[in-house]
């Protein structure tokens, strides 16, 4: 193969790779925005007079029992997105947990 053919093939492959990467990053941005909005909604529900207790919501969401300090600590770390000192990652709710917490908050407000 000559240089021109190799350069053309490489350029086409790079374009395809970059387009796929841009699509993925666009989807990730939408998911992150939705996640951030849900976190803000959850945090705001704990503020104010007559708002539900974190331990009550944790138990309603099925993420642990009230009085279990380990579960309460993990729930609080996920709620406030604390950084894990050992691994450097951030504690966060996964999609299923976030949905159950939101459902529990809506149930507690009624």
N, C-alpha and C. Protein backbone atom coordinates (compact mmCIF):
# COMPACT_ATOMS: atom_id res chain seq x y z
N UNK A 1 0.85 -1.19 0.00
CA UNK A 1 0.00 0.00 0.00
C UNK A 1 0.88 1.24 0.00
N UNK A 2 0.37 2.25 -0.63
CA UNK A 2 1.12 3.49 -0.65
C UNK A 2 0.71 4.37 0.54
N UNK A 3 1.46 5.41 0.77
CA UNK A 3 1.23 6.31 1.90
C UNK A 3 -0.15 6.95 1.86
N UNK A 4 -0.57 7.38 0.69
CA UNK A 4 -1.84 8.08 0.56
C UNK A 4 -3.02 7.20 0.98
N UNK A 5 -3.01 5.94 0.56
CA UNK A 5 -4.08 5.00 0.91
C UNK A 5 -4.11 4.77 2.42
N UNK A 6 -2.97 4.60 3.02
CA UNK A 6 -2.89 4.38 4.47
C UNK A 6 -3.40 5.61 5.22
N UNK A 7 -3.00 6.81 4.78
CA UNK A 7 -3.46 8.03 5.44
C UNK A 7 -4.96 8.19 5.32
N UNK A 8 -5.52 7.87 4.17
CA UNK A 8 -6.96 7.97 3.96
C UNK A 8 -7.71 7.01 4.87
N UNK A 9 -7.25 5.78 4.94
CA UNK A 9 -7.90 4.78 5.79
C UNK A 9 -7.81 5.19 7.26
N UNK A 10 -6.67 5.68 7.66
CA UNK A 10 -6.49 6.11 9.04
C UNK A 10 -7.38 7.30 9.37
N UNK A 11 -7.49 8.24 8.46
CA UNK A 11 -8.34 9.42 8.68
C UNK A 11 -9.80 9.03 8.81
N UNK A 12 -10.27 8.11 7.97
CA UNK A 12 -11.67 7.64 8.04
C UNK A 12 -11.94 6.93 9.36
N UNK A 13 -11.02 6.09 9.76
CA UNK A 13 -11.18 5.37 11.03
C UNK A 13 -11.21 6.33 12.21
N UNK A 14 -10.38 7.34 12.15
CA UNK A 14 -10.33 8.33 13.22
C UNK A 14 -11.63 9.14 13.28
N UNK A 15 -12.19 9.48 12.13
CA UNK A 15 -13.46 10.22 12.09
C UNK A 15 -14.57 9.40 12.72
N UNK A 16 -14.64 8.12 12.40
CA UNK A 16 -15.66 7.23 12.96
C UNK A 16 -15.48 7.14 14.47
N UNK A 17 -14.25 6.97 14.91
CA UNK A 17 -13.96 6.86 16.34
C UNK A 17 -14.36 8.14 17.06
N UNK A 18 -14.01 9.30 16.54
CA UNK A 18 -14.33 10.57 17.19
C UNK A 18 -15.83 10.83 17.21
N UNK A 19 -16.55 10.46 16.17
CA UNK A 19 -18.00 10.64 16.15
C UNK A 19 -18.68 9.78 17.19
N UNK A 20 -18.21 8.54 17.35
CA UNK A 20 -18.78 7.66 18.37
C UNK A 20 -18.50 8.21 19.76
N UNK A 21 -17.32 8.75 19.97
CA UNK A 21 -16.96 9.31 21.26
C UNK A 21 -17.82 10.52 21.58
N UNK A 22 -18.09 11.37 20.58
CA UNK A 22 -18.93 12.55 20.79
C UNK A 22 -20.35 12.15 21.14
N UNK A 23 -20.88 11.11 20.48
CA UNK A 23 -22.23 10.65 20.79
C UNK A 23 -22.31 10.16 22.22
N UNK A 24 -21.31 9.38 22.66
CA UNK A 24 -21.30 8.87 24.02
C UNK A 24 -21.20 9.99 25.03
N UNK A 25 -20.36 10.98 24.77
CA UNK A 25 -20.21 12.07 25.72
C UNK A 25 -21.49 12.89 25.80
N UNK A 26 -22.23 13.02 24.71
CA UNK A 26 -23.50 13.73 24.72
C UNK A 26 -24.52 13.01 25.58
N UNK A 27 -24.56 11.69 25.47
CA UNK A 27 -25.47 10.90 26.28
C UNK A 27 -25.08 10.97 27.75
N UNK A 28 -23.78 10.94 28.03
CA UNK A 28 -23.30 11.02 29.40
C UNK A 28 -23.66 12.36 30.02
N UNK A 29 -23.58 13.43 29.23
CA UNK A 29 -23.91 14.76 29.73
C UNK A 29 -25.39 14.84 30.11
N UNK A 30 -26.26 14.27 29.28
CA UNK A 30 -27.69 14.27 29.58
C UNK A 30 -27.98 13.49 30.85
N UNK A 31 -27.33 12.33 30.99
CA UNK A 31 -27.52 11.51 32.18
C UNK A 31 -27.01 12.23 33.43
N UNK A 32 -25.88 12.89 33.32
CA UNK A 32 -25.30 13.62 34.45
C UNK A 32 -26.20 14.78 34.86
N UNK A 33 -26.75 15.50 33.88
CA UNK A 33 -27.65 16.62 34.20
C UNK A 33 -28.89 16.12 34.92
N UNK A 34 -29.45 15.00 34.43
CA UNK A 34 -30.64 14.44 35.05
C UNK A 34 -30.32 13.98 36.47
N UNK A 35 -29.17 13.34 36.64
CA UNK A 35 -28.74 12.86 37.94
C UNK A 35 -28.54 14.03 38.91
N UNK A 36 -27.89 15.09 38.46
CA UNK A 36 -27.67 16.26 39.30
C UNK A 36 -28.99 16.91 39.71
N UNK A 37 -29.94 16.95 38.79
CA UNK A 37 -31.24 17.53 39.10
C UNK A 37 -31.98 16.69 40.14
N UNK A 38 -31.89 15.37 40.01
CA UNK A 38 -32.54 14.49 40.98
C UNK A 38 -31.89 14.62 42.36
N UNK A 39 -30.55 14.74 42.39
CA UNK A 39 -29.86 14.93 43.67
C UNK A 39 -30.30 16.23 44.33
N UNK A 40 -30.41 17.29 43.55
CA UNK A 40 -30.83 18.59 44.09
C UNK A 40 -32.24 18.49 44.65
N UNK A 41 -33.11 17.79 43.96
CA UNK A 41 -34.48 17.61 44.43
C UNK A 41 -34.51 16.82 45.74
N UNK A 42 -33.68 15.78 45.82
CA UNK A 42 -33.62 14.97 47.04
C UNK A 42 -33.10 15.80 48.20
N UNK A 43 -32.01 16.54 47.99
CA UNK A 43 -31.44 17.36 49.06
C UNK A 43 -32.42 18.44 49.53
N UNK A 44 -33.13 19.06 48.61
CA UNK A 44 -34.08 20.11 48.97
C UNK A 44 -35.25 19.56 49.77
N UNK A 45 -35.57 18.30 49.60
CA UNK A 45 -36.69 17.72 50.34
C UNK A 45 -36.39 17.55 51.82
N UNK A 46 -35.10 17.54 52.19
CA UNK A 46 -34.74 17.40 53.60
C UNK A 46 -34.65 18.74 54.33
N UNK A 47 -34.81 19.83 53.61
CA UNK A 47 -34.72 21.16 54.22
C UNK A 47 -36.11 21.67 54.58
N UNK A 48 -36.17 22.43 55.61
CA UNK A 48 -37.42 23.08 55.98
C UNK A 48 -38.12 22.40 57.14
N UNK A 49 -39.08 23.10 57.67
CA UNK A 49 -39.85 22.64 58.81
C UNK A 49 -40.79 21.52 58.37
N UNK A 50 -40.82 20.45 59.11
CA UNK A 50 -41.69 19.33 58.81
C UNK A 50 -41.17 18.41 57.72
N UNK A 51 -39.92 18.58 57.37
CA UNK A 51 -39.35 17.72 56.33
C UNK A 51 -39.03 16.35 56.91
N UNK A 52 -38.99 15.34 56.05
CA UNK A 52 -38.72 13.98 56.55
C UNK A 52 -37.29 13.83 57.06
N UNK A 53 -37.10 12.85 57.91
CA UNK A 53 -35.81 12.52 58.49
C UNK A 53 -35.04 11.63 57.51
N UNK A 54 -33.73 11.80 57.44
CA UNK A 54 -32.91 10.99 56.53
C UNK A 54 -33.03 9.50 56.85
N UNK A 55 -33.03 9.16 58.12
CA UNK A 55 -33.11 7.75 58.52
C UNK A 55 -34.46 7.15 58.12
N UNK A 56 -35.53 7.93 58.25
CA UNK A 56 -36.85 7.44 57.85
C UNK A 56 -36.91 7.18 56.34
N UNK A 57 -36.37 8.11 55.56
CA UNK A 57 -36.36 7.95 54.11
C UNK A 57 -35.50 6.75 53.71
N UNK A 58 -34.37 6.58 54.38
CA UNK A 58 -33.49 5.45 54.09
C UNK A 58 -34.24 4.14 54.31
N UNK A 59 -34.98 4.05 55.41
CA UNK A 59 -35.72 2.83 55.70
C UNK A 59 -36.87 2.63 54.71
N UNK A 60 -37.59 3.71 54.38
CA UNK A 60 -38.67 3.60 53.40
C UNK A 60 -38.16 3.17 52.02
N UNK A 61 -36.95 3.63 51.68
CA UNK A 61 -36.36 3.30 50.38
C UNK A 61 -35.78 1.89 50.36
N UNK A 62 -35.68 1.25 51.52
CA UNK A 62 -35.15 -0.11 51.58
C UNK A 62 -33.64 -0.16 51.53
N UNK A 63 -32.98 0.90 51.99
CA UNK A 63 -31.52 0.96 51.95
C UNK A 63 -30.89 0.68 53.31
N UNK A 64 -31.68 0.28 54.27
CA UNK A 64 -31.17 -0.04 55.60
C UNK A 64 -32.25 0.21 56.63
N UNK A 65 -31.97 -0.20 57.87
CA UNK A 65 -32.93 -0.01 58.95
C UNK A 65 -32.55 1.19 59.79
N UNK A 66 -33.55 1.86 60.30
CA UNK A 66 -33.34 3.00 61.17
C UNK A 66 -32.64 2.52 62.44
N UNK A 67 -31.58 3.21 62.82
CA UNK A 67 -30.80 2.82 63.98
C UNK A 67 -29.52 2.08 63.62
N UNK A 68 -29.42 1.58 62.40
CA UNK A 68 -28.21 0.91 61.93
C UNK A 68 -27.23 2.01 61.50
N UNK A 69 -26.27 2.29 62.32
CA UNK A 69 -25.36 3.42 62.09
C UNK A 69 -24.52 3.26 60.82
N UNK A 70 -24.18 2.03 60.46
CA UNK A 70 -23.40 1.81 59.24
C UNK A 70 -24.22 2.18 58.01
N UNK A 71 -25.47 1.73 57.98
CA UNK A 71 -26.35 2.05 56.85
C UNK A 71 -26.65 3.54 56.79
N UNK A 72 -26.87 4.15 57.95
CA UNK A 72 -27.15 5.58 58.00
C UNK A 72 -25.95 6.39 57.52
N UNK A 73 -24.75 5.97 57.90
CA UNK A 73 -23.54 6.65 57.48
C UNK A 73 -23.35 6.56 55.97
N UNK A 74 -23.55 5.36 55.42
CA UNK A 74 -23.42 5.17 53.97
C UNK A 74 -24.47 5.98 53.22
N UNK A 75 -25.70 6.02 53.73
CA UNK A 75 -26.76 6.81 53.10
C UNK A 75 -26.39 8.29 53.08
N UNK A 76 -25.87 8.78 54.20
CA UNK A 76 -25.47 10.19 54.28
C UNK A 76 -24.32 10.50 53.33
N UNK A 77 -23.35 9.59 53.24
CA UNK A 77 -22.22 9.79 52.33
C UNK A 77 -22.70 9.84 50.88
N UNK A 78 -23.63 8.97 50.52
CA UNK A 78 -24.17 8.97 49.16
C UNK A 78 -25.01 10.21 48.91
N UNK A 79 -25.75 10.64 49.92
CA UNK A 79 -26.62 11.80 49.77
C UNK A 79 -25.82 13.07 49.50
N UNK A 80 -24.73 13.25 50.22
CA UNK A 80 -23.91 14.46 50.09
C UNK A 80 -22.70 14.28 49.17
N UNK A 81 -22.65 13.14 48.47
CA UNK A 81 -21.58 12.83 47.51
C UNK A 81 -20.19 13.03 48.12
N UNK A 82 -19.97 12.39 49.24
CA UNK A 82 -18.67 12.46 49.91
C UNK A 82 -17.63 11.67 49.13
N UNK A 83 -16.38 12.07 49.25
CA UNK A 83 -15.29 11.40 48.56
C UNK A 83 -14.79 10.24 49.41
N UNK A 84 -14.57 9.10 48.78
CA UNK A 84 -14.02 7.92 49.45
C UNK A 84 -12.52 8.15 49.61
N UNK A 85 -12.05 8.16 50.84
CA UNK A 85 -10.64 8.44 51.11
C UNK A 85 -9.71 7.34 50.61
N UNK A 86 -10.19 6.10 50.61
CA UNK A 86 -9.33 4.98 50.23
C UNK A 86 -9.16 4.87 48.72
N UNK A 87 -10.25 4.99 47.97
CA UNK A 87 -10.18 4.77 46.53
C UNK A 87 -10.17 6.06 45.72
N UNK A 88 -10.59 7.16 46.32
CA UNK A 88 -10.63 8.43 45.60
C UNK A 88 -11.91 8.63 44.81
N UNK A 89 -12.81 7.64 44.82
CA UNK A 89 -14.08 7.77 44.11
C UNK A 89 -15.08 8.53 44.97
N UNK A 90 -16.24 8.77 44.41
CA UNK A 90 -17.28 9.52 45.10
C UNK A 90 -18.44 8.58 45.39
N UNK A 91 -18.96 8.65 46.62
CA UNK A 91 -20.14 7.87 46.98
C UNK A 91 -21.35 8.50 46.28
N UNK A 92 -22.12 7.69 45.53
CA UNK A 92 -23.30 8.17 44.85
C UNK A 92 -24.35 7.07 44.81
N UNK A 93 -25.63 7.49 44.74
CA UNK A 93 -26.70 6.53 44.55
C UNK A 93 -26.66 6.05 43.10
N UNK A 94 -26.93 4.77 42.88
CA UNK A 94 -27.10 4.31 41.50
C UNK A 94 -28.53 4.66 41.08
N UNK A 95 -28.88 4.40 39.85
CA UNK A 95 -30.19 4.81 39.32
C UNK A 95 -31.34 4.19 40.11
N UNK A 96 -31.21 2.93 40.47
CA UNK A 96 -32.27 2.24 41.20
C UNK A 96 -32.44 2.83 42.61
N UNK A 97 -31.33 3.08 43.29
CA UNK A 97 -31.39 3.66 44.63
C UNK A 97 -31.98 5.07 44.60
N UNK A 98 -31.56 5.85 43.60
CA UNK A 98 -32.06 7.22 43.47
C UNK A 98 -33.57 7.23 43.23
N UNK A 99 -34.04 6.29 42.44
CA UNK A 99 -35.48 6.19 42.19
C UNK A 99 -36.23 5.79 43.45
N UNK A 100 -35.68 4.86 44.22
CA UNK A 100 -36.37 4.43 45.44
C UNK A 100 -36.35 5.53 46.50
N UNK A 101 -35.29 6.32 46.56
CA UNK A 101 -35.24 7.44 47.52
C UNK A 101 -36.27 8.50 47.12
N UNK A 102 -36.36 8.81 45.84
CA UNK A 102 -37.33 9.79 45.37
C UNK A 102 -38.75 9.32 45.66
N UNK A 103 -39.00 8.05 45.43
CA UNK A 103 -40.33 7.47 45.71
C UNK A 103 -40.64 7.54 47.20
N UNK A 104 -39.66 7.24 48.05
CA UNK A 104 -39.86 7.28 49.50
C UNK A 104 -40.13 8.71 49.97
N UNK A 105 -39.45 9.69 49.38
CA UNK A 105 -39.68 11.09 49.76
C UNK A 105 -41.09 11.50 49.37
N UNK A 106 -41.52 11.13 48.18
CA UNK A 106 -42.88 11.46 47.74
C UNK A 106 -43.93 10.79 48.62
N UNK A 107 -43.66 9.58 49.07
CA UNK A 107 -44.58 8.88 49.97
C UNK A 107 -44.62 9.57 51.33
N UNK A 108 -43.47 10.02 51.83
CA UNK A 108 -43.41 10.66 53.15
C UNK A 108 -44.08 12.02 53.14
N UNK A 109 -44.10 12.69 52.01
CA UNK A 109 -44.72 14.02 51.93
C UNK A 109 -46.24 13.96 52.02
N UNK A 110 -46.83 12.81 51.68
CA UNK A 110 -48.30 12.69 51.64
C UNK A 110 -48.89 12.66 53.01
